[in-house]
Amino acid sequence: MQKQEIYQQISELLIKLFEVDESDIKPDAKLYEDLELDSIDAVDLVVHLQKTTGRKIKPEMFKSVRTVQDVVDAIDELLNTPAE
């Protein structure tokens, strides 16, 4: 899956799950400040991304995630790392 596809899927999840306005979703948009997600939303996002990718996401992978692009990069790295 290419980064653009990952970005599109994450955008769709943000719109569907959290009713984020599509115009607010940009690579540098901060999840908590700009998109107004909270920690429970972040957990929901991770759960949905696990279902979408079929891969387990380790909590430490998402500790440094702050922007939409960070999520894209983390999922890209996850998908390009051999499953354990």
Protein backbone atom coordinates (compact mmCIF):
# COMPACT_ATOMS: atom_id res chain seq x y z
CA MET A 1 0.00 0.00 0.00
CA GLN A 2 1.37 3.40 -0.97
CA LYS A 3 1.55 6.33 1.44
CA GLN A 4 -1.14 8.16 -0.55
CA GLU A 5 -3.51 5.21 -0.09
CA ILE A 6 -2.73 5.11 3.63
CA TYR A 7 -3.38 8.85 3.88
CA GLN A 8 -6.72 8.42 2.10
CA GLN A 9 -7.81 5.60 4.42
CA ILE A 10 -6.82 7.55 7.52
CA SER A 11 -8.71 10.59 6.21
CA GLU A 12 -11.81 8.47 5.64
CA LEU A 13 -11.56 7.04 9.16
CA LEU A 14 -11.21 10.50 10.70
CA ILE A 15 -14.28 11.71 8.82
CA LYS A 16 -16.38 8.62 9.53
CA LEU A 17 -15.41 7.95 13.15
CA PHE A 18 -14.85 11.41 14.53
CA GLU A 19 -16.83 13.64 12.16
CA VAL A 20 -13.70 15.62 11.31
CA ASP A 21 -14.29 18.11 8.51
CA GLU A 22 -12.47 16.92 5.39
CA SER A 23 -11.00 20.39 4.84
CA ASP A 24 -9.28 20.18 8.26
CA ILE A 25 -7.38 17.02 7.35
CA LYS A 26 -3.91 17.90 6.13
CA PRO A 27 -0.61 16.06 6.57
CA ASP A 28 0.60 18.61 9.15
CA ALA A 29 -2.72 18.78 11.06
CA LYS A 30 -2.15 17.98 14.74
CA LEU A 31 -4.45 15.22 15.93
CA TYR A 32 -5.19 16.70 19.35
CA GLU A 33 -5.02 20.45 18.74
CA ASP A 34 -6.25 20.84 15.13
CA LEU A 35 -8.59 17.86 14.80
CA GLU A 36 -9.68 17.89 18.45
CA LEU A 37 -9.18 14.18 19.06
CA ASP A 38 -8.69 13.03 22.63
CA SER A 39 -6.86 10.00 24.02
CA ILE A 40 -9.93 7.77 23.72
CA ASP A 41 -10.31 8.82 20.07
CA ALA A 42 -6.66 7.92 19.53
CA VAL A 43 -7.27 4.43 20.94
CA ASP A 44 -10.32 4.04 18.67
CA LEU A 45 -8.23 5.12 15.70
CA VAL A 46 -5.54 2.52 16.53
CA VAL A 47 -8.18 -0.22 16.90
CA HIS A 48 -9.67 0.62 13.49
CA LEU A 49 -6.22 0.80 11.89
CA GLN A 50 -5.43 -2.65 13.31
CA LYS A 51 -8.61 -4.01 11.72
CA THR A 52 -7.83 -2.28 8.42
CA THR A 53 -4.22 -3.45 8.24
CA GLY A 54 -4.67 -6.82 9.90
CA ARG A 55 -1.54 -6.06 11.94
CA LYS A 56 -1.05 -5.53 15.66
CA ILE A 57 0.01 -1.97 16.47
CA LYS A 58 2.33 -1.68 19.44
CA PRO A 59 1.53 1.23 21.78
CA GLU A 60 5.12 2.51 21.66
CA MET A 61 4.77 2.96 17.89
CA PHE A 62 2.08 5.59 18.46
CA LYS A 63 3.63 7.42 21.42
CA SER A 64 5.38 9.94 19.16
CA VAL A 65 2.47 10.37 16.73
CA ARG A 66 1.24 13.95 16.71
CA THR A 67 0.09 14.73 13.15
CA VAL A 68 -1.83 13.02 10.37
CA GLN A 69 1.47 12.51 8.52
CA ASP A 70 2.93 10.83 11.64
CA VAL A 71 0.05 8.32 11.51
CA VAL A 72 0.66 7.71 7.80
CA ASP A 73 4.39 7.17 8.40
CA ALA A 74 3.75 4.82 11.34
CA ILE A 75 1.29 2.69 9.34
CA ASP A 76 3.63 2.67 6.33
CA GLU A 77 6.46 1.46 8.57
CA LEU A 78 4.17 -1.17 10.12
CA LEU A 79 3.09 -2.49 6.73
CA ASN A 80 6.66 -2.64 5.47
CA THR A 81 7.98 -4.48 8.52
CA PRO A 82 7.80 -8.28 8.48
CA ALA A 83 5.06 -9.63 10.78
CA GLU A 84 6.30 -11.15 14.01
